[in-house]
Amino acid sequence: MAISAVMVKMLRDKTGAGMLDCKSALEETKGNIDEAEKILRKKGLAAAAKKAGRVAAEGLIGYKVEGGKAALVELNCETDFVGRTDQFNKARHSLAELVLHTDALGDTLEGDAEAVKALPAPKHFPYATGSVAESLQAFTAETGENTQFRRFARLVAGEGSAFTLYAHPGDKTVVVIETKGMPEDLSKDLAMHVAALAPQFANRDGVSAKALADEREIARAKAVAAGKPEAVAEKMVEGMIGKWYGEVVLLDQAFAKDDSKKVSQVISERAGAEASVVRFVRFKVGEGIEKKSGDFAAEVAALIK
């Protein structure tokens, strides 16, 4: 019998399995939804949807720099054990390749993960079936762990600039920095600095108006609370803003390899006044994800009841 889109949707809603997997199971059972569900459950695909609700804060960063383009992706799982497998390693690198070579994704430091999930899965992606989203679901079913594509960045170098990559051992923190007029060794030092000290902005011009306004509001509230005269309070605000720049702006930070100098001073000394940092992107696995904590012994006891 012909398998309709409605039947596929019904099975998908019931099991959470991928569209292609649902269609295949329905074809195998000649449209019997109950029997198709059994097939999916035997393959573990029906359980994947339930696993998708579990926290995935481990994983690896995938990366690729080639021909004036750079791509970073974060692929998450639940445990470091799965993150260290060959299949997971292949998955994150194949996704980085996909992002790098998909020009339609544009140039962005904060890409829309859903746009990548909608793309056809790359042929080297383990358990590839249909879209990236469906393949991630199949991956979840195979490994038994929630596997999520969290985010990506895709950069296209501007005229006269170049990318430098730094991947910290273990590939859990990766940085790509775009610079102009800098020797490679200095660019690498700066990328390592970004990995270690996590600045938010490349330079003061890059600080968003909202971030600066919020910080000024906080500084002014502190100055007022200190009971200082208005003229003194304003000087306090400017002092606090300067200190804040030193915490969040790359060029204002103390250089990681020589904290007696600011990054801007090191650049000037080693590359000249014309050298500049255009931008950077830093991915750290699990950053911002709230990990579940609990009593491990109690969890084990609950499982064996």
Protein backbone atom coordinates (compact mmCIF):
# COMPACT_ATOMS: atom_id res chain seq x y z
CA MET A 1 0.00 0.00 0.00
CA ALA A 2 1.07 3.64 -0.48
CA ILE A 3 2.58 5.25 2.58
CA SER A 4 1.07 8.68 3.12
CA ALA A 5 2.69 11.68 4.75
CA VAL A 6 0.00 11.57 7.43
CA MET A 7 0.96 8.01 8.38
CA VAL A 8 4.63 8.97 8.58
CA LYS A 9 3.78 11.95 10.78
CA MET A 10 1.64 9.82 13.07
CA LEU A 11 4.47 7.35 13.59
CA ARG A 12 6.98 10.12 14.06
CA ASP A 13 4.78 11.83 16.68
CA LYS A 14 4.37 8.51 18.44
CA THR A 15 8.04 7.46 18.49
CA GLY A 16 10.15 10.56 17.88
CA ALA A 17 12.14 8.67 15.24
CA GLY A 18 13.37 10.31 12.04
CA MET A 19 11.05 10.78 9.04
CA LEU A 20 12.99 8.45 6.78
CA ASP A 21 13.18 5.78 9.49
CA CYS A 22 9.42 6.02 10.02
CA LYS A 23 8.71 5.76 6.29
CA SER A 24 11.02 2.75 5.96
CA ALA A 25 9.37 0.97 8.91
CA LEU A 26 5.90 1.64 7.50
CA GLU A 27 6.91 0.30 4.10
CA GLU A 28 8.31 -2.83 5.75
CA THR A 29 5.05 -3.42 7.65
CA LYS A 30 2.78 -2.39 4.75
CA GLY A 31 1.38 0.56 6.69
CA ASN A 32 0.81 -1.14 10.05
CA ILE A 33 1.71 1.61 12.52
CA ASP A 34 1.85 -0.67 15.59
CA GLU A 35 4.20 -3.12 13.88
CA ALA A 36 6.27 -0.23 12.52
CA GLU A 37 6.63 1.11 16.06
CA LYS A 38 7.93 -2.29 17.19
CA ILE A 39 10.56 -2.23 14.45
CA LEU A 40 11.71 1.22 15.50
CA ARG A 41 11.82 0.19 19.15
CA LYS A 42 13.93 -2.85 18.29
CA LYS A 43 16.39 -0.57 16.48
CA GLY A 44 16.42 1.80 19.43
CA LEU A 45 15.14 4.68 17.34
CA ALA A 46 11.92 5.13 19.27
CA ALA A 47 13.88 5.71 22.45
CA ALA A 48 15.97 8.48 20.94
CA ALA A 49 13.30 11.12 21.50
CA LYS A 50 13.20 10.42 25.24
CA LYS A 51 16.98 10.66 25.43
CA ALA A 52 16.86 14.04 23.69
CA GLY A 53 15.59 15.61 26.91
CA ARG A 54 18.70 14.69 28.88
CA VAL A 55 21.46 17.22 29.48
CA ALA A 56 24.28 17.02 26.94
CA ALA A 57 27.16 19.14 28.23
CA GLU A 58 30.16 17.04 27.19
CA GLY A 59 31.52 16.60 23.67
CA LEU A 60 34.06 18.18 21.36
CA ILE A 61 34.60 21.18 19.11
CA GLY A 62 34.90 20.42 15.40
CA TYR A 63 36.98 22.84 13.33
CA LYS A 64 38.30 23.50 9.84
CA VAL A 65 40.30 26.39 8.35
CA GLU A 66 40.85 26.36 4.60
CA GLY A 67 41.07 28.82 1.70
CA GLY A 68 40.17 31.99 3.56
CA LYS A 69 37.29 30.34 5.40
CA ALA A 70 36.98 28.97 8.92
CA ALA A 71 34.34 26.89 10.68
CA LEU A 72 33.80 25.88 14.29
CA VAL A 73 31.01 23.61 15.54
CA GLU A 74 30.08 22.33 18.97
CA LEU A 75 28.77 18.76 19.13
CA ASN A 76 27.53 17.65 22.54
CA CYS A 77 26.86 14.34 24.25
CA GLU A 78 26.21 13.31 27.84
CA THR A 79 29.52 11.72 28.85
CA ASP A 80 33.18 12.15 28.00
CA PHE A 81 33.28 8.42 27.22
CA VAL A 82 31.09 8.81 24.12
CA GLY A 83 32.84 12.07 23.23
CA ARG A 84 36.14 10.20 22.90
CA THR A 85 34.87 7.54 20.49
CA ASP A 86 35.99 7.37 16.86
CA GLN A 87 32.40 7.77 15.67
CA PHE A 88 31.89 10.96 17.65
CA ASN A 89 35.21 12.29 16.37
CA LYS A 90 34.13 11.63 12.77
CA ALA A 91 30.77 13.28 13.42
CA ARG A 92 32.15 16.57 14.70
CA HIS A 93 34.72 16.89 11.92
CA SER A 94 32.20 16.04 9.20
CA LEU A 95 29.88 18.75 10.54
CA ALA A 96 32.73 21.28 10.53
CA GLU A 97 33.44 20.37 6.88
CA LEU A 98 29.75 20.76 6.05
CA VAL A 99 29.60 24.22 7.61
CA LEU A 100 32.83 25.33 5.92
CA HIS A 101 31.65 24.33 2.45
CA THR A 102 28.04 25.59 2.75
CA ASP A 103 28.30 29.16 1.47
CA ALA A 104 24.60 29.77 2.09
CA LEU A 105 25.34 29.87 5.83
CA GLY A 106 27.18 33.14 5.25
CA ASP A 107 29.67 34.80 7.59
CA THR A 108 28.61 34.64 11.22
CA LEU A 109 30.08 34.28 14.70
CA GLU A 110 26.77 32.97 16.05
CA GLY A 111 25.11 30.80 13.43
CA ASP A 112 21.60 29.34 13.60
CA ALA A 113 22.06 25.67 14.50
CA GLU A 114 18.65 24.84 13.04
CA ALA A 115 19.87 25.90 9.58
CA VAL A 116 22.61 23.27 9.75
CA LYS A 117 20.27 20.61 11.14
CA ALA A 118 18.02 21.07 8.12
CA LEU A 119 20.86 20.32 5.67
CA PRO A 120 21.39 16.83 4.20
CA ALA A 121 23.77 14.89 6.43
CA PRO A 122 27.34 14.67 5.08
CA LYS A 123 28.20 11.23 3.72
CA HIS A 124 30.95 10.69 6.30
CA PHE A 125 28.60 11.36 9.23
CA PRO A 126 28.15 8.13 11.24
CA TYR A 127 24.64 6.64 10.93
CA ALA A 128 23.78 9.25 8.29
CA THR A 129 20.12 9.17 7.33
CA GLY A 130 18.37 12.11 5.68
CA SER A 131 19.01 15.46 7.33
CA VAL A 132 21.60 16.34 9.97
CA ALA A 133 18.79 16.43 12.56
CA GLU A 134 17.62 12.93 11.65
CA SER A 135 21.19 11.64 11.63
CA LEU A 136 21.78 13.08 15.11
CA GLN A 137 18.70 11.22 16.26
CA ALA A 138 20.06 8.01 14.76
CA PHE A 139 23.39 8.69 16.46
CA THR A 140 21.54 9.09 19.76
CA ALA A 141 19.79 5.77 19.23
CA GLU A 142 23.07 3.97 18.48
CA THR A 143 25.13 5.40 21.36
CA GLY A 144 22.38 5.56 23.95
CA GLU A 145 23.25 9.18 24.71
CA ASN A 146 21.58 12.44 23.78
CA THR A 147 23.71 13.88 20.95
CA GLN A 148 23.11 17.51 20.07
CA PHE A 149 24.49 19.98 17.52
CA ARG A 150 24.57 23.10 19.63
CA ARG A 151 26.12 25.93 17.61
CA PHE A 152 28.46 26.94 14.83
CA ALA A 153 30.53 29.85 13.58
CA ARG A 154 31.51 30.37 9.96
CA LEU A 155 33.99 33.08 9.02
CA VAL A 156 35.12 34.41 5.65
CA ALA A 157 38.38 36.36 5.76
CA GLY A 158 38.34 40.01 4.74
CA GLU A 159 40.80 41.50 2.28
CA GLY A 160 44.36 41.37 3.60
CA SER A 161 43.49 39.37 6.71
CA ALA A 162 44.26 35.80 7.72
CA PHE A 163 42.94 33.18 10.14
CA THR A 164 44.94 31.43 12.85
CA LEU A 165 43.61 28.41 14.68
CA TYR A 166 44.42 27.27 18.20
CA ALA A 167 42.93 24.03 19.51
CA HIS A 168 43.73 23.36 23.15
CA PRO A 169 44.72 19.72 23.78
CA GLY A 170 41.54 17.66 23.99
CA ASP A 171 39.64 19.90 21.53
CA LYS A 172 37.27 21.21 24.20
CA THR A 173 38.39 24.83 23.77
CA VAL A 174 39.14 26.08 20.25
CA VAL A 175 39.84 29.59 18.98
CA VAL A 176 40.00 31.11 15.50
CA ILE A 177 41.42 34.64 15.32
CA GLU A 178 41.41 36.91 12.28
CA THR A 179 44.32 39.34 12.07
CA LYS A 180 45.96 41.79 9.68
CA GLY A 181 49.67 42.44 9.29
CA MET A 182 50.81 40.00 11.98
CA PRO A 183 53.48 37.32 11.94
CA GLU A 184 52.12 33.82 12.41
CA ASP A 185 53.79 33.28 15.78
CA LEU A 186 52.16 36.39 17.25
CA SER A 187 48.74 35.43 15.89
CA LYS A 188 49.17 32.00 17.49
CA ASP A 189 50.12 33.60 20.81
CA LEU A 190 47.02 35.79 20.65
CA ALA A 191 44.80 32.80 19.86
CA MET A 192 46.22 30.98 22.88
CA HIS A 193 45.65 34.10 24.97
CA VAL A 194 41.98 34.19 23.91
CA ALA A 195 41.61 30.50 24.79
CA ALA A 196 43.04 31.12 28.27
CA LEU A 197 41.52 34.49 29.24
CA ALA A 198 38.25 34.48 27.27
CA PRO A 199 37.88 38.16 26.29
CA GLN A 200 34.45 39.11 24.98
CA PHE A 201 35.49 41.76 22.45
CA ALA A 202 38.50 42.28 20.18
CA ASN A 203 38.74 46.05 20.80
CA ARG A 204 36.78 48.87 22.36
CA ASP A 205 35.05 49.70 19.08
CA GLY A 206 33.59 46.21 19.12
CA VAL A 207 31.91 46.64 22.52
CA SER A 208 28.15 46.76 22.01
CA ALA A 209 26.31 49.90 23.06
CA LYS A 210 24.07 47.85 25.35
CA ALA A 211 26.98 46.13 27.11
CA LEU A 212 28.65 49.48 27.75
CA ALA A 213 25.42 51.13 28.90
CA ASP A 214 24.68 48.27 31.30
CA GLU A 215 28.18 48.44 32.76
CA ARG A 216 27.96 52.21 33.19
CA GLU A 217 24.65 51.80 35.00
CA ILE A 218 26.20 49.28 37.38
CA ALA A 219 29.27 51.47 37.96
CA ARG A 220 27.15 54.55 38.62
CA ALA A 221 25.00 52.67 41.14
CA LYS A 222 28.16 51.63 43.00
CA ALA A 223 29.47 55.19 42.99
CA VAL A 224 26.17 56.57 44.32
CA ALA A 225 26.05 53.86 47.00
CA ALA A 226 29.52 54.96 48.13
CA GLY A 227 28.03 58.40 48.91
CA LYS A 228 30.57 60.35 46.85
CA PRO A 229 29.93 63.86 45.43
CA GLU A 230 28.72 63.88 41.83
CA ALA A 231 32.03 65.01 40.35
CA VAL A 232 33.93 62.32 42.24
CA ALA A 233 31.29 59.72 41.40
CA GLU A 234 31.73 60.40 37.66
CA LYS A 235 35.48 59.88 37.96
CA MET A 236 34.80 56.63 39.81
CA VAL A 237 32.51 55.51 36.99
CA GLU A 238 35.18 56.17 34.37
CA GLY A 239 37.74 54.31 36.48
CA MET A 240 35.46 51.29 36.82
CA ILE A 241 34.72 51.30 33.10
CA GLY A 242 38.46 51.33 32.36
CA LYS A 243 38.97 48.37 34.68
CA TRP A 244 36.08 46.55 32.98
CA TYR A 245 37.66 47.12 29.57
CA GLY A 246 40.77 45.44 30.95
CA GLU A 247 38.69 42.38 31.78
CA VAL A 248 36.60 41.98 28.61
CA VAL A 249 38.49 43.63 25.72
CA LEU A 250 41.37 41.68 24.19
CA LEU A 251 43.58 44.70 23.42
CA ASP A 252 43.14 46.02 26.98
CA GLN A 253 43.95 42.75 28.73
CA ALA A 254 47.32 41.98 30.28
CA PHE A 255 49.16 39.69 27.86
CA ALA A 256 49.05 36.07 29.03
CA LYS A 257 52.77 35.47 28.36
CA ASP A 258 53.91 38.75 29.92
CA ASP A 259 51.36 40.38 32.20
CA SER A 260 53.51 43.50 32.57
CA LYS A 261 52.26 44.55 29.12
CA LYS A 262 48.85 44.98 27.55
CA VAL A 263 48.01 42.98 24.44
CA SER A 264 47.90 46.22 22.41
CA GLN A 265 51.47 47.02 23.46
CA VAL A 266 52.72 43.56 22.52
CA ILE A 267 51.12 43.84 19.07
CA SER A 268 52.70 47.24 18.49
CA GLU A 269 56.15 46.01 19.54
CA ARG A 270 56.11 42.76 17.59
CA ALA A 271 54.11 43.69 14.50
CA GLY A 272 53.92 47.48 14.26
CA ALA A 273 51.21 50.07 14.64
CA GLU A 274 49.36 49.00 11.50
CA ALA A 275 48.79 45.41 12.68
CA SER A 276 45.34 44.64 14.05
CA VAL A 277 42.99 42.02 15.39
CA VAL A 278 39.87 41.98 13.25
CA ARG A 279 37.82 39.52 15.32
CA PHE A 280 37.93 36.14 16.97
CA VAL A 281 35.61 33.30 17.95
CA ARG A 282 36.12 31.05 20.97
CA PHE A 283 34.15 27.86 21.58
CA LYS A 284 34.38 25.96 24.85
CA VAL A 285 32.44 22.72 25.22
CA GLY A 286 29.44 22.99 27.52
CA GLU A 287 29.91 26.69 28.24
CA GLY A 288 26.64 28.09 29.52
CA ILE A 289 24.94 24.68 29.81
CA GLU A 290 23.66 23.92 33.27
CA LYS A 291 24.89 20.47 34.21
CA LYS A 292 22.71 18.29 36.35
CA SER A 293 24.18 17.55 39.77
CA GLY A 294 22.95 15.04 42.27
CA ASP A 295 23.71 12.21 44.65
CA PHE A 296 25.37 9.50 42.56
CA ALA A 297 24.87 6.82 45.21
CA ALA A 298 21.17 7.65 45.43
CA GLU A 299 20.85 7.46 41.66
CA VAL A 300 22.42 3.99 41.63
CA ALA A 301 20.16 2.87 44.46
CA ALA A 302 17.10 4.09 42.57
CA LEU A 303 18.13 2.12 39.50
CA ILE A 304 18.42 -1.21 41.33
CA LYS A 305 15.11 -0.98 43.20
